[in-house]
Each structure stands twice: as structure tokens, then as C-alpha cells.
PDB file of N, CA and C in Angstrom:
ATOM      1  N   MET A   1     -13.956 -27.655   7.642  1.00  0.00           N
ATOM      2  CA  MET A   1     -13.223 -28.749   7.033  1.00  0.00           C
ATOM      3  C   MET A   1     -14.084 -29.472   6.004  1.00  0.00           C
ATOM      4  N   GLY A   2     -15.369 -29.647   6.334  1.00  0.00           N
ATOM      5  CA  GLY A   2     -16.261 -30.356   5.435  1.00  0.00           C
ATOM      6  C   GLY A   2     -16.521 -29.597   4.149  1.00  0.00           C
ATOM      7  N   SER A   3     -16.595 -28.270   4.243  1.00  0.00           N
ATOM      8  CA  SER A   3     -16.867 -27.485   3.040  1.00  0.00           C
ATOM      9  C   SER A   3     -15.680 -27.525   2.085  1.00  0.00           C
ATOM     10  N   LYS A   4     -14.473 -27.582   2.627  1.00  0.00           N
ATOM     11  CA  LYS A   4     -13.289 -27.700   1.769  1.00  0.00           C
ATOM     12  C   LYS A   4     -13.316 -29.039   1.027  1.00  0.00           C
ATOM     13  N   ARG A   5     -13.660 -30.082   1.743  1.00  0.00           N
ATOM     14  CA  ARG A   5     -13.722 -31.408   1.133  1.00  0.00           C
ATOM     15  C   ARG A   5     -14.799 -31.458   0.061  1.00  0.00           C
ATOM     16  N   ASN A   6     -15.963 -30.876   0.364  1.00  0.00           N
ATOM     17  CA  ASN A   6     -17.054 -30.875  -0.608  1.00  0.00           C
ATOM     18  C   ASN A   6     -16.678 -30.056  -1.837  1.00  0.00           C
ATOM     19  N   GLY A   7     -16.009 -28.929  -1.615  1.00  0.00           N
ATOM     20  CA  GLY A   7     -15.570 -28.104  -2.739  1.00  0.00           C
ATOM     21  C   GLY A   7     -14.558 -28.829  -3.601  1.00  0.00           C
ATOM     22  N   LEU A   8     -13.636 -29.532  -2.955  1.00  0.00           N
ATOM     23  CA  LEU A   8     -12.634 -30.295  -3.689  1.00  0.00           C
ATOM     24  C   LEU A   8     -13.277 -31.424  -4.480  1.00  0.00           C
ATOM     25  N   LEU A   9     -14.233 -32.101  -3.870  1.00  0.00           N
ATOM     26  CA  LEU A   9     -14.942 -33.176  -4.579  1.00  0.00           C
ATOM     27  C   LEU A   9     -15.737 -32.621  -5.762  1.00  0.00           C
ATOM     28  N   ALA A  10     -16.356 -31.465  -5.583  1.00  0.00           N
ATOM     29  CA  ALA A  10     -17.103 -30.853  -6.680  1.00  0.00           C
ATOM     30  C   ALA A  10     -16.162 -30.464  -7.815  1.00  0.00           C
ATOM     31  N   LEU A  11     -15.015 -29.900  -7.471  1.00  0.00           N
ATOM     32  CA  LEU A  11     -14.037 -29.525  -8.489  1.00  0.00           C
ATOM     33  C   LEU A  11     -13.511 -30.754  -9.214  1.00  0.00           C
ATOM     34  N   LEU A  12     -13.242 -31.800  -8.476  1.00  0.00           N
ATOM     35  CA  LEU A  12     -12.789 -33.051  -9.077  1.00  0.00           C
ATOM     36  C   LEU A  12     -13.861 -33.635  -9.998  1.00  0.00           C
ATOM     37  N   GLY A  13     -15.104 -33.567  -9.578  1.00  0.00           N
ATOM     38  CA  GLY A  13     -16.209 -34.058 -10.401  1.00  0.00           C
ATOM     39  C   GLY A  13     -16.356 -33.251 -11.686  1.00  0.00           C
ATOM     40  N   LEU A  14     -16.230 -31.938 -11.578  1.00  0.00           N
ATOM     41  CA  LEU A  14     -16.311 -31.101 -12.779  1.00  0.00           C
ATOM     42  C   LEU A  14     -15.155 -31.386 -13.724  1.00  0.00           C
ATOM     43  N   GLY A  15     -13.974 -31.600 -13.172  1.00  0.00           N
ATOM     44  CA  GLY A  15     -12.818 -31.933 -13.999  1.00  0.00           C
ATOM     45  C   GLY A  15     -13.017 -33.248 -14.723  1.00  0.00           C
ATOM     46  N   ALA A  16     -13.548 -34.250 -14.017  1.00  0.00           N
ATOM     47  CA  ALA A  16     -13.804 -35.550 -14.637  1.00  0.00           C
ATOM     48  C   ALA A  16     -14.867 -35.438 -15.728  1.00  0.00           C
ATOM     49  N   LEU A  17     -15.898 -34.650 -15.467  1.00  0.00           N
ATOM     50  CA  LEU A  17     -16.946 -34.444 -16.473  1.00  0.00           C
ATOM     51  C   LEU A  17     -16.382 -33.744 -17.705  1.00  0.00           C
ATOM     52  N   ALA A  18     -15.563 -32.731 -17.495  1.00  0.00           N
ATOM     53  CA  ALA A  18     -14.966 -32.016 -18.620  1.00  0.00           C
ATOM     54  C   ALA A  18     -14.060 -32.938 -19.424  1.00  0.00           C
ATOM     55  N   TYR A  19     -13.272 -33.760 -18.733  1.00  0.00           N
ATOM     56  CA  TYR A  19     -12.385 -34.698 -19.422  1.00  0.00           C
ATOM     57  C   TYR A  19     -13.199 -35.705 -20.226  1.00  0.00           C
ATOM     58  N   TRP A  20     -14.261 -36.243 -19.648  1.00  0.00           N
ATOM     59  CA  TRP A  20     -15.096 -37.216 -20.344  1.00  0.00           C
ATOM     60  C   TRP A  20     -15.746 -36.578 -21.576  1.00  0.00           C
ATOM     61  N   LYS A  21     -16.239 -35.360 -21.404  1.00  0.00           N
ATOM     62  CA  LYS A  21     -16.880 -34.670 -22.516  1.00  0.00           C
ATOM     63  C   LYS A  21     -15.871 -34.380 -23.633  1.00  0.00           C
ATOM     64  N   TYR A  22     -14.637 -34.007 -23.244  1.00  0.00           N
ATOM     65  CA  TYR A  22     -13.583 -33.740 -24.223  1.00  0.00           C
ATOM     66  C   TYR A  22     -13.247 -35.003 -25.000  1.00  0.00           C
ATOM     67  N   LYS A  23     -13.113 -36.115 -24.300  1.00  0.00           N
ATOM     68  CA  LYS A  23     -12.753 -37.372 -24.962  1.00  0.00           C
ATOM     69  C   LYS A  23     -13.863 -37.869 -25.888  1.00  0.00           C
ATOM     70  N   LYS A  24     -15.116 -37.565 -25.582  1.00  0.00           N
ATOM     71  CA  LYS A  24     -16.242 -38.009 -26.408  1.00  0.00           C
ATOM     72  C   LYS A  24     -16.530 -37.056 -27.570  1.00  0.00           C
ATOM     73  N   SER A  25     -15.877 -35.894 -27.590  1.00  0.00           N
ATOM     74  CA  SER A  25     -16.165 -34.910 -28.637  1.00  0.00           C
ATOM     75  C   SER A  25     -15.430 -35.269 -29.930  1.00  0.00           C
ATOM     76  N   THR A  26     -15.835 -34.618 -31.005  1.00  0.00           N
ATOM     77  CA  THR A  26     -15.223 -34.863 -32.310  1.00  0.00           C
ATOM     78  C   THR A  26     -13.829 -34.232 -32.355  1.00  0.00           C
ATOM     79  N   PRO A  27     -12.995 -34.662 -33.282  1.00  0.00           N
ATOM     80  CA  PRO A  27     -11.659 -34.058 -33.393  1.00  0.00           C
ATOM     81  C   PRO A  27     -11.702 -32.550 -33.642  1.00  0.00           C
ATOM     82  N   GLU A  28     -12.712 -32.075 -34.378  1.00  0.00           N
ATOM     83  CA  GLU A  28     -12.837 -30.640 -34.610  1.00  0.00           C
ATOM     84  C   GLU A  28     -13.137 -29.892 -33.310  1.00  0.00           C
ATOM     85  N   GLU A  29     -14.019 -30.464 -32.495  1.00  0.00           N
ATOM     86  CA  GLU A  29     -14.338 -29.845 -31.210  1.00  0.00           C
ATOM     87  C   GLU A  29     -13.128 -29.885 -30.277  1.00  0.00           C
ATOM     88  N   GLN A  30     -12.376 -30.978 -30.317  1.00  0.00           N
ATOM     89  CA  GLN A  30     -11.166 -31.064 -29.499  1.00  0.00           C
ATOM     90  C   GLN A  30     -10.154 -30.003 -29.924  1.00  0.00           C
ATOM     91  N   GLN A  31     -10.026 -29.804 -31.221  1.00  0.00           N
ATOM     92  CA  GLN A  31      -9.100 -28.785 -31.710  1.00  0.00           C
ATOM     93  C   GLN A  31      -9.551 -27.388 -31.289  1.00  0.00           C
ATOM     94  N   ALA A  32     -10.866 -27.158 -31.297  1.00  0.00           N
ATOM     95  CA  ALA A  32     -11.388 -25.865 -30.860  1.00  0.00           C
ATOM     96  C   ALA A  32     -11.048 -25.620 -29.392  1.00  0.00           C
ATOM     97  N   VAL A  33     -11.162 -26.649 -28.576  1.00  0.00           N
ATOM     98  CA  VAL A  33     -10.813 -26.518 -27.155  1.00  0.00           C
ATOM     99  C   VAL A  33      -9.322 -26.233 -27.007  1.00  0.00           C
ATOM    100  N   LYS A  34      -8.490 -26.949 -27.758  1.00  0.00           N
ATOM    101  CA  LYS A  34      -7.041 -26.717 -27.703  1.00  0.00           C
ATOM    102  C   LYS A  34      -6.697 -25.302 -28.126  1.00  0.00           C
ATOM    103  N   ASP A  35      -7.378 -24.805 -29.166  1.00  0.00           N
ATOM    104  CA  ASP A  35      -7.132 -23.444 -29.636  1.00  0.00           C
ATOM    105  C   ASP A  35      -7.508 -22.416 -28.571  1.00  0.00           C
ATOM    106  N   LYS A  36      -8.639 -22.645 -27.894  1.00  0.00           N
ATOM    107  CA  LYS A  36      -9.058 -21.727 -26.839  1.00  0.00           C
ATOM    108  C   LYS A  36      -8.046 -21.714 -25.691  1.00  0.00           C
ATOM    109  N   VAL A  37      -7.551 -22.890 -25.320  1.00  0.00           N
ATOM    110  CA  VAL A  37      -6.575 -22.974 -24.233  1.00  0.00           C
ATOM    111  C   VAL A  37      -5.282 -22.272 -24.637  1.00  0.00           C
ATOM    112  N   ASN A  38      -4.829 -22.500 -25.861  1.00  0.00           N
ATOM    113  CA  ASN A  38      -3.595 -21.859 -26.318  1.00  0.00           C
ATOM    114  C   ASN A  38      -3.744 -20.341 -26.404  1.00  0.00           C
ATOM    115  N   THR A  39      -4.906 -19.881 -26.863  1.00  0.00           N
ATOM    116  CA  THR A  39      -5.160 -18.443 -26.933  1.00  0.00           C
ATOM    117  C   THR A  39      -5.156 -17.834 -25.533  1.00  0.00           C
ATOM    118  N   ALA A  40      -5.810 -18.511 -24.600  1.00  0.00           N
ATOM    119  CA  ALA A  40      -5.836 -18.012 -23.219  1.00  0.00           C
ATOM    120  C   ALA A  40      -4.431 -17.981 -22.632  1.00  0.00           C
ATOM    121  N   LYS A  41      -3.636 -19.003 -22.918  1.00  0.00           N
ATOM    122  CA  LYS A  41      -2.256 -19.049 -22.418  1.00  0.00           C
ATOM    123  C   LYS A  41      -1.436 -17.914 -23.009  1.00  0.00           C
ATOM    124  N   ASP A  42      -1.597 -17.669 -24.304  1.00  0.00           N
ATOM    125  CA  ASP A  42      -0.862 -16.584 -24.956  1.00  0.00           C
ATOM    126  C   ASP A  42      -1.263 -15.220 -24.379  1.00  0.00           C
ATOM    127  N   ASN A  43      -2.563 -15.035 -24.162  1.00  0.00           N
ATOM    128  CA  ASN A  43      -3.042 -13.777 -23.598  1.00  0.00           C
ATOM    129  C   ASN A  43      -2.517 -13.569 -22.184  1.00  0.00           C
ATOM    130  N   LEU A  44      -2.482 -14.637 -21.408  1.00  0.00           N
ATOM    131  CA  LEU A  44      -1.978 -14.543 -20.044  1.00  0.00           C
ATOM    132  C   LEU A  44      -0.488 -14.236 -20.036  1.00  0.00           C
ATOM    133  N   THR A  45       0.253 -14.851 -20.936  1.00  0.00           N
ATOM    134  CA  THR A  45       1.687 -14.586 -21.037  1.00  0.00           C
ATOM    135  C   THR A  45       1.936 -13.142 -21.445  1.00  0.00           C
ATOM    136  N   LYS A  46       1.164 -12.661 -22.421  1.00  0.00           N
ATOM    137  CA  LYS A  46       1.303 -11.271 -22.867  1.00  0.00           C
ATOM    138  C   LYS A  46       0.981 -10.307 -21.732  1.00  0.00           C
ATOM    139  N   PHE A  47      -0.081 -10.590 -20.992  1.00  0.00           N
ATOM    140  CA  PHE A  47      -0.459  -9.742 -19.863  1.00  0.00           C
ATOM    141  C   PHE A  47       0.652  -9.722 -18.811  1.00  0.00           C
ATOM    142  N   GLY A  48       1.233 -10.874 -18.520  1.00  0.00           N
ATOM    143  CA  GLY A  48       2.325 -10.949 -17.550  1.00  0.00           C
ATOM    144  C   GLY A  48       3.539 -10.163 -18.003  1.00  0.00           C
ATOM    145  N   ASN A  49       3.877 -10.277 -19.278  1.00  0.00           N
ATOM    146  CA  ASN A  49       5.023  -9.534 -19.811  1.00  0.00           C
ATOM    147  C   ASN A  49       4.772  -8.027 -19.782  1.00  0.00           C
ATOM    148  N   ASP A  50       3.560  -7.610 -20.130  1.00  0.00           N
ATOM    149  CA  ASP A  50       3.213  -6.187 -20.079  1.00  0.00           C
ATOM    150  C   ASP A  50       3.300  -5.662 -18.643  1.00  0.00           C
ATOM    151  N   LEU A  51       2.780  -6.442 -17.719  1.00  0.00           N
ATOM    152  CA  LEU A  51       2.811  -6.047 -16.315  1.00  0.00           C
ATOM    153  C   LEU A  51       4.244  -5.924 -15.816  1.00  0.00           C
ATOM    154  N   LYS A  52       5.084  -6.860 -16.210  1.00  0.00           N
ATOM    155  CA  LYS A  52       6.488  -6.838 -15.795  1.00  0.00           C
ATOM    156  C   LYS A  52       7.205  -5.617 -16.362  1.00  0.00           C
ATOM    157  N   SER A  53       6.971  -5.319 -17.631  1.00  0.00           N
ATOM    158  CA  SER A  53       7.646  -4.166 -18.233  1.00  0.00           C
ATOM    159  C   SER A  53       7.170  -2.856 -17.604  1.00  0.00           C
ATOM    160  N   LYS A  54       5.879  -2.753 -17.294  1.00  0.00           N
ATOM    161  CA  LYS A  54       5.377  -1.544 -16.639  1.00  0.00           C
ATOM    162  C   LYS A  54       5.941  -1.405 -15.230  1.00  0.00           C
ATOM    163  N   ALA A  55       6.074  -2.512 -14.534  1.00  0.00           N
ATOM    164  CA  ALA A  55       6.663  -2.462 -13.189  1.00  0.00           C
ATOM    165  C   ALA A  55       8.118  -2.023 -13.270  1.00  0.00           C
ATOM    166  N   ASN A  56       8.843  -2.513 -14.261  1.00  0.00           N
ATOM    167  CA  ASN A  56      10.239  -2.092 -14.426  1.00  0.00           C
ATOM    168  C   ASN A  56      10.335  -0.603 -14.756  1.00  0.00           C
ATOM    169  N   GLU A  57       9.400  -0.105 -15.567  1.00  0.00           N
ATOM    170  CA  GLU A  57       9.379   1.321 -15.882  1.00  0.00           C
ATOM    171  C   GLU A  57       9.143   2.153 -14.625  1.00  0.00           C
ATOM    172  N   VAL A  58       8.222   1.721 -13.782  1.00  0.00           N
ATOM    173  CA  VAL A  58       7.927   2.450 -12.542  1.00  0.00           C
ATOM    174  C   VAL A  58       9.147   2.439 -11.619  1.00  0.00           C
ATOM    175  N   VAL A  59       9.844   1.315 -11.558  1.00  0.00           N
ATOM    176  CA  VAL A  59      11.052   1.232 -10.732  1.00  0.00           C
ATOM    177  C   VAL A  59      12.101   2.202 -11.248  1.00  0.00           C
ATOM    178  N   GLU A  60      12.287   2.240 -12.550  1.00  0.00           N
ATOM    179  CA  GLU A  60      13.271   3.167 -13.123  1.00  0.00           C
ATOM    180  C   GLU A  60      12.893   4.619 -12.851  1.00  0.00           C
ATOM    181  N   GLN A  61      11.611   4.939 -12.973  1.00  0.00           N
ATOM    182  CA  GLN A  61      11.151   6.305 -12.694  1.00  0.00           C
ATOM    183  C   GLN A  61      11.388   6.662 -11.228  1.00  0.00           C
ATOM    184  N   ALA A  62      11.139   5.708 -10.335  1.00  0.00           N
ATOM    185  CA  ALA A  62      11.347   5.958  -8.911  1.00  0.00           C
ATOM    186  C   ALA A  62      12.830   6.169  -8.617  1.00  0.00           C
ATOM    187  N   LYS A  63      13.686   5.371  -9.260  1.00  0.00           N
ATOM    188  CA  LYS A  63      15.133   5.539  -9.069  1.00  0.00           C
ATOM    189  C   LYS A  63      15.583   6.904  -9.575  1.00  0.00           C
ATOM    190  N   ASN A  64      15.088   7.308 -10.732  1.00  0.00           N
ATOM    191  CA  ASN A  64      15.445   8.615 -11.283  1.00  0.00           C
ATOM    192  C   ASN A  64      14.978   9.745 -10.367  1.00  0.00           C
ATOM    193  N   LYS A  65      13.755   9.630  -9.876  1.00  0.00           N
ATOM    194  CA  LYS A  65      13.212  10.665  -8.992  1.00  0.00           C
ATOM    195  C   LYS A  65      14.019  10.718  -7.696  1.00  0.00           C
ATOM    196  N   ALA A  66      14.393   9.560  -7.158  1.00  0.00           N
ATOM    197  CA  ALA A  66      15.191   9.528  -5.934  1.00  0.00           C
ATOM    198  C   ALA A  66      16.552  10.170  -6.179  1.00  0.00           C
ATOM    199  N   GLY A  67      17.147   9.907  -7.327  1.00  0.00           N
ATOM    200  CA  GLY A  67      18.431  10.532  -7.666  1.00  0.00           C
ATOM    201  C   GLY A  67      18.315  12.031  -7.779  1.00  0.00           C
ATOM    202  N   GLU A  68      17.230  12.510  -8.379  1.00  0.00           N
ATOM    203  CA  GLU A  68      17.007  13.953  -8.492  1.00  0.00           C
ATOM    204  C   GLU A  68      16.830  14.593  -7.124  1.00  0.00           C
ATOM    205  N   LEU A  69      16.055  13.955  -6.262  1.00  0.00           N
ATOM    206  CA  LEU A  69      15.834  14.496  -4.926  1.00  0.00           C
ATOM    207  C   LEU A  69      17.132  14.512  -4.121  1.00  0.00           C
ATOM    208  N   LYS A  70      17.928  13.473  -4.282  1.00  0.00           N
ATOM    209  CA  LYS A  70      19.214  13.412  -3.585  1.00  0.00           C
ATOM    210  C   LYS A  70      20.115  14.555  -4.042  1.00  0.00           C
ATOM    211  N   GLN A  71      20.119  14.816  -5.339  1.00  0.00           N
ATOM    212  CA  GLN A  71      20.927  15.903  -5.889  1.00  0.00           C
ATOM    213  C   GLN A  71      20.420  17.260  -5.401  1.00  0.00           C
ATOM    214  N   ASP A  72      19.103  17.413  -5.329  1.00  0.00           N
ATOM    215  CA  ASP A  72      18.529  18.658  -4.834  1.00  0.00           C
ATOM    216  C   ASP A  72      18.903  18.896  -3.366  1.00  0.00           C
ATOM    217  N   VAL A  73      18.893  17.844  -2.576  1.00  0.00           N
ATOM    218  CA  VAL A  73      19.264  17.978  -1.167  1.00  0.00           C
ATOM    219  C   VAL A  73      20.732  18.364  -1.045  1.00  0.00           C
ATOM    220  N   LYS A  74      21.576  17.745  -1.847  1.00  0.00           N
ATOM    221  CA  LYS A  74      22.998  18.094  -1.827  1.00  0.00           C
ATOM    222  C   LYS A  74      23.212  19.550  -2.224  1.00  0.00           C
ATOM    223  N   ASN A  75      22.502  19.990  -3.261  1.00  0.00           N
ATOM    224  CA  ASN A  75      22.639  21.363  -3.744  1.00  0.00           C
ATOM    225  C   ASN A  75      22.141  22.381  -2.709  1.00  0.00           C
ATOM    226  N   SER A  76      21.042  22.058  -2.047  1.00  0.00           N
ATOM    227  CA  SER A  76      20.504  23.004  -1.060  1.00  0.00           C
ATOM    228  C   SER A  76      21.341  23.025   0.218  1.00  0.00           C
ATOM    229  N   ALA A  77      22.056  21.932   0.498  1.00  0.00           N
ATOM    230  CA  ALA A  77      22.912  21.887   1.685  1.00  0.00           C
ATOM    231  C   ALA A  77      24.182  22.698   1.481  1.00  0.00           C
ATOM    232  N   GLN A  78      24.591  22.933   0.272  1.00  0.00           N
ATOM    233  CA  GLN A  78      25.842  23.661   0.010  1.00  0.00           C
ATOM    234  C   GLN A  78      25.679  25.116   0.071  1.00  0.00           C
TER     235      GLN A  78
END
């Protein structure tokens, strides 16, 4: 229990330090930070969309393969 609390306090302290440093930085440095965050967000969104489309492709391939196997079983049973 204590380690969770200490970890949370450390994370909170780092967040406060980052916020203070951001507020004390120049407008150019603030813009650079905003650009990095937006780039990371865009990359994460792109990665999520790619992952989703690949998962959908795998599902479609599995459905097609299942349909083929079902047809083969029907054909061999006749």
C-alpha cells in the first residue's frame, strides 16, 4: 500500500514540476511541446487505425476460410 502511495506522490510531483517548467518556458518552447504532443497523438491515432484495419482483415480472412471449410465438408459428405 505504501509503495503505491509513494509512486502516486512521485508521479504527482513530476507532473507539477513539468507544469511549472512549461509555464516558465518561452512561447517558442511551449509551442514545441504542443507540437510534440500533437505529433504523438497523431501517431497514436494512426497506429490505432492501422491496428483496427488489420484486425478487420484477419476477421474477414477467418470468415472466408471458415466458409471454404464448411463448403468442403458439405461436398465431402455428399
